[in-house]
Amino acid sequence: MAGHHIPHEVTDELRATIDAAGIDENADLVARILATGVGMGLDETDRLDLKITSAALTEMRAAFRLFAPYETVSKVTIFGSARTRPEDALYHQTVRVAESLAAHGWMVVTGAGPGIMQAAAEGAGPDHSLGVSIRLPFEEKPNAVIAAQERSVAMKYFFTRKLMLVKESKGFVCLPGGFGTLDEMFELLTLQQTGKAEPTPIVLLDAPGGTFWSGLRGFVEDHLIPSGVISPGDFDRVLVTDSVDEATTEILGFWRNYHSLRWVGRRLVLRLRTAPTEAEVDALSDEFAGLLADGRIEHRGPLRAERDDDDVLDLPRLVLRMNQFRVGELHRLIRAVNALGSATDRPAPPG
């Protein structure tokens, strides 16, 4: 059912309020947010629904403010169980991988609780840690490492917490855990499979000799793929390992040459750190012809929409028309771009 129409005089007053507040940037979007709130009031939305909406917006604002100072710093989110004890091999593995990534300039984002979350914060150190905690009876405050620098925000809802744990990061490491960890890991895979999130590296890290994630891989290969509920290559985007060095290399290597992407209409633009040769572009077009809706992959400068937005204009680009039904396989093309002979051998800088 369509919502109630907001009178023009009300929208004019909302714009006047925005002007009076001194808001210059993105005033149209702020007006839309305010108008949506008024619309919900006109719709006589249930009080509980309004409380959910209000709390979600409040939490998102607090989280956005927490992350804003570190916008240009690459971040990796580490998921895992809150019940893992300090003497557990998984705890030590988490400390090591967080320490390794922080040494390369990355910040580590966690759920700010105990267990694996505390291990990750300890490994990264307080200067390289950010936390998004959940208010639960048994996890009511951030761990000591996160709390020391006051770099955390508390959430009431899991959905707003998961948004912030995923939105800001350019890589993910999942340690063995329970329902919450598996929920987070499967949401990551779903977002990647459906193209609702930009491609990022995902590592399933186990303790040395552990079989937790290899058991999951066996379930995928023995049940999910044969039954046809996922495609044969859907799990290829994930690295299953018990090696901290391999985990670190996977996260850093994904950004070796690939920088970012943008859709301009039906065209997909991949921004690279180093320009490919024409022979490399031709080889990519041949290898990934099945991913293209039509035409070939082109090496070219920024498109008009990118120039209008001053969107990283100094980087070389690959432009293609991708089959939208194959968008979940984009990670394959990105890995091929990173493997080009023209790509720099130096790790990509954070940010």
Protein backbone atom coordinates (compact mmCIF):
# COMPACT_ATOMS: atom_id res chain seq x y z
CA MET A 1 0.00 0.00 0.00
CA ALA A 2 1.37 3.43 -0.95
CA GLY A 3 2.39 5.73 1.89
CA HIS A 4 0.78 9.08 2.63
CA HIS A 5 1.87 12.02 0.51
CA ILE A 6 3.95 14.59 2.37
CA PRO A 7 2.57 18.12 1.85
CA HIS A 8 4.82 20.51 -0.09
CA GLU A 9 4.85 23.00 2.78
CA VAL A 10 6.28 20.29 5.05
CA THR A 11 9.07 19.42 2.61
CA ASP A 12 9.82 23.14 2.28
CA GLU A 13 10.12 23.39 6.06
CA LEU A 14 12.41 20.37 6.13
CA ARG A 15 14.69 22.03 3.59
CA ALA A 16 14.62 25.25 5.62
CA THR A 17 15.60 23.26 8.72
CA ILE A 18 18.51 21.69 6.84
CA ASP A 19 19.66 25.13 5.67
CA ALA A 20 19.36 26.53 9.19
CA ALA A 21 21.50 23.68 10.52
CA GLY A 22 24.26 24.68 8.10
CA ILE A 23 24.19 21.44 6.10
CA ASP A 24 25.68 22.03 2.66
CA GLU A 25 26.88 18.62 1.48
CA ASN A 26 24.39 15.92 0.47
CA ALA A 27 21.47 18.04 1.62
CA ASP A 28 19.18 16.12 -0.78
CA LEU A 29 19.90 12.82 0.99
CA VAL A 30 19.48 14.36 4.44
CA ALA A 31 16.12 15.74 3.27
CA ARG A 32 15.13 12.27 2.09
CA ILE A 33 15.97 10.78 5.50
CA LEU A 34 13.90 13.42 7.29
CA ALA A 35 11.03 13.04 4.83
CA THR A 36 11.02 9.29 5.37
CA GLY A 37 10.65 9.85 9.13
CA VAL A 38 7.74 12.22 8.56
CA GLY A 39 6.21 9.73 6.13
CA MET A 40 6.37 6.98 8.72
CA GLY A 41 4.53 9.25 11.13
CA LEU A 42 1.85 9.97 8.54
CA ASP A 43 1.55 6.23 7.90
CA GLU A 44 0.83 5.74 11.61
CA THR A 45 3.67 3.25 11.77
CA ASP A 46 3.61 0.99 14.82
CA ARG A 47 5.59 2.36 17.78
CA LEU A 48 7.85 -0.69 17.96
CA ASP A 49 8.72 -0.30 14.27
CA LEU A 50 9.52 3.36 14.86
CA LYS A 51 11.76 2.44 17.80
CA ILE A 52 13.65 -0.05 15.63
CA THR A 53 14.10 2.57 12.90
CA SER A 54 15.20 5.27 15.34
CA ALA A 55 17.66 3.02 17.15
CA ALA A 56 19.13 1.71 13.88
CA LEU A 57 19.75 5.23 12.56
CA THR A 58 21.25 6.34 15.87
CA GLU A 59 23.60 3.35 15.94
CA MET A 60 24.61 3.82 12.32
CA ARG A 61 25.44 7.47 12.94
CA ALA A 62 27.64 6.54 15.91
CA ALA A 63 29.40 3.83 13.86
CA PHE A 64 29.97 6.10 10.87
CA ARG A 65 31.56 8.68 13.20
CA LEU A 66 33.83 6.01 14.72
CA PHE A 67 35.13 4.88 11.32
CA ALA A 68 35.32 8.29 9.62
CA PRO A 69 38.84 9.27 10.83
CA TYR A 70 40.24 6.03 9.38
CA GLU A 71 38.53 6.20 5.99
CA THR A 72 41.80 6.02 4.06
CA VAL A 73 43.27 3.12 6.06
CA SER A 74 42.71 -0.43 4.83
CA LYS A 75 40.81 -2.56 7.31
CA VAL A 76 40.35 -6.28 7.83
CA THR A 77 37.53 -7.76 9.89
CA ILE A 78 38.28 -10.83 11.98
CA PHE A 79 35.36 -13.04 13.02
CA GLY A 80 35.43 -15.82 15.60
CA SER A 81 33.98 -17.21 18.78
CA ALA A 82 33.66 -15.20 21.97
CA ARG A 83 34.15 -18.44 23.91
CA THR A 84 37.68 -19.23 22.75
CA ARG A 85 40.06 -19.26 25.74
CA PRO A 86 43.50 -17.58 25.82
CA GLU A 87 45.22 -20.95 26.12
CA ASP A 88 43.54 -22.25 22.93
CA ALA A 89 45.69 -22.65 19.80
CA LEU A 90 43.05 -20.68 17.87
CA TYR A 91 43.59 -17.73 20.21
CA HIS A 92 47.32 -17.69 19.49
CA GLN A 93 46.68 -18.10 15.75
CA THR A 94 44.40 -15.06 15.83
CA VAL A 95 46.95 -12.95 17.68
CA ARG A 96 49.55 -13.84 15.04
CA VAL A 97 47.41 -13.05 11.99
CA ALA A 98 46.21 -9.73 13.45
CA GLU A 99 49.79 -8.82 14.34
CA SER A 100 50.94 -9.68 10.83
CA LEU A 101 48.30 -7.56 9.10
CA ALA A 102 48.81 -4.64 11.47
CA ALA A 103 52.53 -4.74 10.68
CA HIS A 104 51.57 -4.02 7.05
CA GLY A 105 49.60 -0.95 8.13
CA TRP A 106 46.12 -2.48 8.24
CA MET A 107 43.58 -1.82 10.98
CA VAL A 108 41.75 -4.78 12.50
CA VAL A 109 37.98 -4.58 13.07
CA THR A 110 36.30 -6.98 15.51
CA GLY A 111 33.11 -7.43 17.45
CA ALA A 112 34.99 -5.99 20.46
CA GLY A 113 34.11 -8.90 22.73
CA PRO A 114 36.18 -11.65 24.42
CA GLY A 115 37.66 -14.76 22.85
CA ILE A 116 38.81 -14.47 19.24
CA MET A 117 37.80 -10.82 19.20
CA GLN A 118 40.10 -10.00 22.09
CA ALA A 119 42.90 -12.07 20.56
CA ALA A 120 42.64 -10.05 17.33
CA ALA A 121 42.72 -6.76 19.24
CA GLU A 122 45.74 -7.93 21.23
CA GLY A 123 47.58 -8.90 18.07
CA ALA A 124 46.81 -5.66 16.25
CA GLY A 125 47.38 -3.47 19.29
CA PRO A 126 45.17 -0.60 20.46
CA ASP A 127 46.38 1.81 17.75
CA HIS A 128 45.29 -0.57 14.98
CA SER A 129 42.01 -1.84 16.47
CA LEU A 130 38.38 -0.83 16.03
CA GLY A 131 35.42 -2.52 17.69
CA VAL A 132 31.69 -2.86 17.04
CA SER A 133 30.20 -4.54 20.09
CA ILE A 134 26.75 -5.97 20.70
CA ARG A 135 24.79 -5.32 23.88
CA LEU A 136 24.13 -8.76 25.36
CA PRO A 137 23.72 -9.92 28.97
CA PHE A 138 26.99 -11.88 28.77
CA GLU A 139 28.92 -9.53 26.40
CA GLU A 140 28.03 -6.16 27.83
CA LYS A 141 31.23 -4.18 27.33
CA PRO A 142 34.22 -3.98 24.95
CA ASN A 143 37.36 -5.94 25.77
CA ALA A 144 40.18 -4.12 27.51
CA VAL A 145 42.30 -3.55 24.39
CA ILE A 146 39.48 -1.85 22.49
CA ALA A 147 38.28 0.06 25.53
CA ALA A 148 41.74 1.48 26.21
CA GLN A 149 41.56 3.78 23.18
CA GLU A 150 37.78 4.25 23.22
CA ARG A 151 37.65 3.05 19.62
CA SER A 152 34.40 1.13 19.78
CA VAL A 153 30.70 1.57 19.35
CA ALA A 154 27.95 -0.52 20.96
CA MET A 155 25.01 -1.84 18.96
CA LYS A 156 21.60 -3.09 20.04
CA TYR A 157 20.84 -4.91 16.80
CA PHE A 158 22.87 -7.59 15.07
CA PHE A 159 21.91 -6.30 11.62
CA THR A 160 23.42 -2.85 12.20
CA ARG A 161 26.49 -4.42 13.78
CA LYS A 162 27.01 -6.75 10.82
CA LEU A 163 26.62 -3.83 8.43
CA MET A 164 29.54 -2.01 10.03
CA LEU A 165 31.69 -5.13 10.42
CA VAL A 166 31.36 -5.75 6.67
CA LYS A 167 30.96 -2.30 5.10
CA GLU A 168 34.34 -0.80 5.98
CA SER A 169 36.68 -3.74 5.43
CA LYS A 170 38.76 -4.81 2.42
CA GLY A 171 39.44 -8.30 3.71
CA PHE A 172 38.02 -10.88 6.11
CA VAL A 173 39.48 -13.62 8.28
CA CYS A 174 37.12 -16.11 9.92
CA LEU A 175 38.27 -18.36 12.77
CA PRO A 176 36.21 -21.38 13.88
CA GLY A 177 33.18 -20.38 15.91
CA GLY A 178 29.53 -21.01 16.62
CA PHE A 179 26.24 -19.85 15.15
CA GLY A 180 27.22 -16.18 15.15
CA THR A 181 30.53 -16.73 13.39
CA LEU A 182 28.95 -19.04 10.81
CA ASP A 183 26.17 -16.53 10.23
CA GLU A 184 28.72 -13.79 9.55
CA MET A 185 30.79 -16.03 7.29
CA PHE A 186 27.80 -17.21 5.23
CA GLU A 187 26.53 -13.65 4.84
CA LEU A 188 29.94 -12.69 3.45
CA LEU A 189 29.74 -15.51 0.92
CA THR A 190 26.17 -14.60 -0.02
CA LEU A 191 27.05 -10.95 -0.61
CA GLN A 192 29.96 -11.99 -2.82
CA GLN A 193 27.99 -14.66 -4.69
CA THR A 194 25.16 -12.27 -5.53
CA GLY A 195 27.33 -9.26 -6.34
CA LYS A 196 25.75 -7.19 -3.57
CA ALA A 197 29.21 -6.42 -2.18
CA GLU A 198 32.42 -5.61 -4.00
CA PRO A 199 34.85 -8.54 -4.27
CA THR A 200 37.15 -8.91 -1.26
CA PRO A 201 39.47 -11.67 -0.02
CA ILE A 202 37.97 -14.11 2.49
CA VAL A 203 40.20 -16.41 4.55
CA LEU A 204 38.92 -19.28 6.70
CA LEU A 205 41.81 -19.72 9.13
CA ASP A 206 42.14 -22.75 11.38
CA ALA A 207 44.57 -23.71 14.10
CA PRO A 208 47.64 -25.63 12.87
CA GLY A 209 46.39 -29.06 11.82
CA GLY A 210 42.75 -28.09 12.48
CA THR A 211 39.90 -29.55 10.41
CA PHE A 212 37.00 -27.18 11.20
CA TRP A 213 36.99 -25.34 7.87
CA SER A 214 38.15 -28.30 5.79
CA GLY A 215 35.05 -30.07 7.12
CA LEU A 216 32.93 -27.23 5.78
CA ARG A 217 34.69 -27.46 2.43
CA GLY A 218 33.91 -31.19 2.35
CA PHE A 219 30.23 -30.46 3.03
CA VAL A 220 30.21 -27.92 0.19
CA GLU A 221 31.83 -30.35 -2.25
CA ASP A 222 29.82 -33.41 -1.17
CA HIS A 223 26.37 -31.84 -0.76
CA LEU A 224 25.88 -28.23 -1.86
CA ILE A 225 27.56 -28.43 -5.27
CA PRO A 226 26.13 -31.87 -6.30
CA SER A 227 22.62 -30.79 -5.30
CA GLY A 228 22.90 -27.70 -7.48
CA VAL A 229 22.07 -25.15 -4.77
CA ILE A 230 25.36 -23.33 -5.42
CA SER A 231 27.59 -23.14 -8.49
CA PRO A 232 30.76 -25.27 -8.69
CA GLY A 233 33.07 -22.24 -8.37
CA ASP A 234 31.26 -20.43 -5.57
CA PHE A 235 33.64 -21.66 -2.88
CA ASP A 236 36.74 -20.91 -4.95
CA ARG A 237 36.78 -17.31 -3.70
CA VAL A 238 37.56 -18.58 -0.19
CA LEU A 239 41.02 -19.59 1.06
CA VAL A 240 40.94 -22.41 3.63
CA THR A 241 44.26 -22.58 5.46
CA ASP A 242 45.96 -23.12 8.81
CA SER A 243 48.88 -20.85 7.87
CA VAL A 244 49.12 -17.26 9.09
CA ASP A 245 51.58 -16.48 6.30
CA GLU A 246 49.15 -17.77 3.65
CA ALA A 247 46.30 -15.82 5.22
CA THR A 248 48.31 -12.59 5.19
CA THR A 249 49.47 -13.15 1.62
CA GLU A 250 45.87 -13.77 0.50
CA ILE A 251 44.62 -10.51 2.04
CA LEU A 252 47.49 -8.38 0.76
CA GLY A 253 47.77 -10.11 -2.62
CA PHE A 254 44.15 -9.44 -3.55
CA TRP A 255 45.04 -5.75 -3.69
CA ARG A 256 48.39 -6.21 -5.44
CA ASN A 257 47.19 -4.69 -8.71
CA TYR A 258 43.41 -4.41 -8.40
CA HIS A 259 42.38 -1.11 -6.81
CA SER A 260 38.60 -0.71 -7.07
CA LEU A 261 35.61 -1.01 -9.37
CA ARG A 262 32.66 1.05 -10.49
CA TRP A 263 29.59 0.42 -12.59
CA VAL A 264 28.80 3.09 -15.18
CA GLY A 265 25.50 2.06 -16.68
CA ARG A 266 26.03 -1.45 -18.05
CA ARG A 267 29.80 -1.04 -18.19
CA LEU A 268 32.05 -2.32 -15.42
CA VAL A 269 35.25 -0.36 -14.77
CA LEU A 270 38.15 -2.05 -12.99
CA ARG A 271 40.78 0.41 -11.74
CA LEU A 272 44.34 -1.00 -11.60
CA ARG A 273 47.55 0.14 -9.94
CA THR A 274 49.71 -0.51 -13.01
CA ALA A 275 48.81 -0.32 -16.68
CA PRO A 276 48.52 -3.67 -18.52
CA THR A 277 50.05 -4.31 -21.91
CA GLU A 278 47.80 -4.67 -24.95
CA ALA A 279 48.79 -8.34 -25.19
CA GLU A 280 47.70 -8.88 -21.58
CA VAL A 281 44.34 -7.23 -22.24
CA ASP A 282 43.78 -9.42 -25.31
CA ALA A 283 44.64 -12.51 -23.29
CA LEU A 284 42.19 -11.49 -20.54
CA SER A 285 39.45 -10.96 -23.15
CA ASP A 286 40.01 -14.45 -24.51
CA GLU A 287 40.24 -16.14 -21.12
CA PHE A 288 37.15 -14.49 -19.68
CA ALA A 289 34.98 -14.29 -22.78
CA GLY A 290 32.34 -16.29 -20.93
CA LEU A 291 31.91 -13.50 -18.37
CA LEU A 292 31.21 -10.86 -21.01
CA ALA A 293 27.75 -9.86 -22.19
CA ASP A 294 29.26 -8.65 -25.46
CA GLY A 295 32.41 -7.12 -26.91
CA ARG A 296 35.86 -7.42 -25.40
CA ILE A 297 37.78 -6.05 -22.44
CA GLU A 298 39.24 -2.63 -23.21
CA HIS A 299 42.15 -0.74 -21.69
CA ARG A 300 41.20 2.93 -21.55
CA GLY A 301 41.10 6.11 -19.48
CA PRO A 302 38.33 7.28 -17.14
CA LEU A 303 34.76 7.36 -18.42
CA ARG A 304 32.85 10.62 -18.48
CA ALA A 305 30.93 9.81 -15.27
CA GLU A 306 34.22 9.15 -13.50
CA ARG A 307 35.68 12.43 -14.74
CA ASP A 308 32.59 14.30 -13.58
CA ASP A 309 33.04 12.82 -10.09
CA ASP A 310 36.85 13.19 -10.07
CA ASP A 311 36.99 9.47 -9.25
CA VAL A 312 40.65 8.30 -8.97
CA LEU A 313 41.42 9.62 -12.42
CA ASP A 314 45.14 8.83 -12.29
CA LEU A 315 44.70 5.04 -12.44
CA PRO A 316 44.60 2.86 -15.58
CA ARG A 317 41.36 1.03 -16.28
CA LEU A 318 39.84 -2.05 -17.81
CA VAL A 319 36.30 -1.56 -19.13
CA LEU A 320 33.93 -4.41 -20.00
CA ARG A 321 30.28 -5.26 -20.36
CA MET A 322 29.83 -8.11 -17.91
CA ASN A 323 27.09 -10.71 -17.97
CA GLN A 324 25.11 -9.74 -14.87
CA PHE A 325 24.32 -13.39 -14.17
CA ARG A 326 28.06 -14.08 -13.84
CA VAL A 327 28.88 -11.22 -11.47
CA GLY A 328 29.63 -13.67 -8.65
CA GLU A 329 32.65 -14.85 -10.66
CA LEU A 330 34.27 -11.44 -10.82
CA HIS A 331 36.89 -12.51 -8.27
CA ARG A 332 38.39 -14.78 -10.97
CA LEU A 333 39.08 -11.82 -13.25
CA ILE A 334 40.51 -9.81 -10.36
CA ARG A 335 42.91 -12.61 -9.46
CA ALA A 336 44.02 -12.81 -13.09
CA VAL A 337 44.63 -9.04 -13.10
CA ASN A 338 46.77 -9.40 -9.98
CA ALA A 339 48.79 -12.14 -11.66
CA LEU A 340 49.67 -10.07 -14.74
CA GLY A 341 53.37 -9.69 -15.47
CA SER A 342 52.92 -5.93 -15.62
CA ALA A 343 51.68 -5.78 -12.00
CA THR A 344 53.99 -4.36 -9.37
CA ASP A 345 55.72 -6.80 -7.04
CA ARG A 346 55.26 -4.49 -4.08
CA PRO A 347 52.32 -5.05 -1.70
CA ALA A 348 49.51 -2.60 -2.16
CA PRO A 349 49.70 0.25 0.36
CA PRO A 350 46.92 0.50 2.94
CA GLY A 351 44.12 2.73 1.67
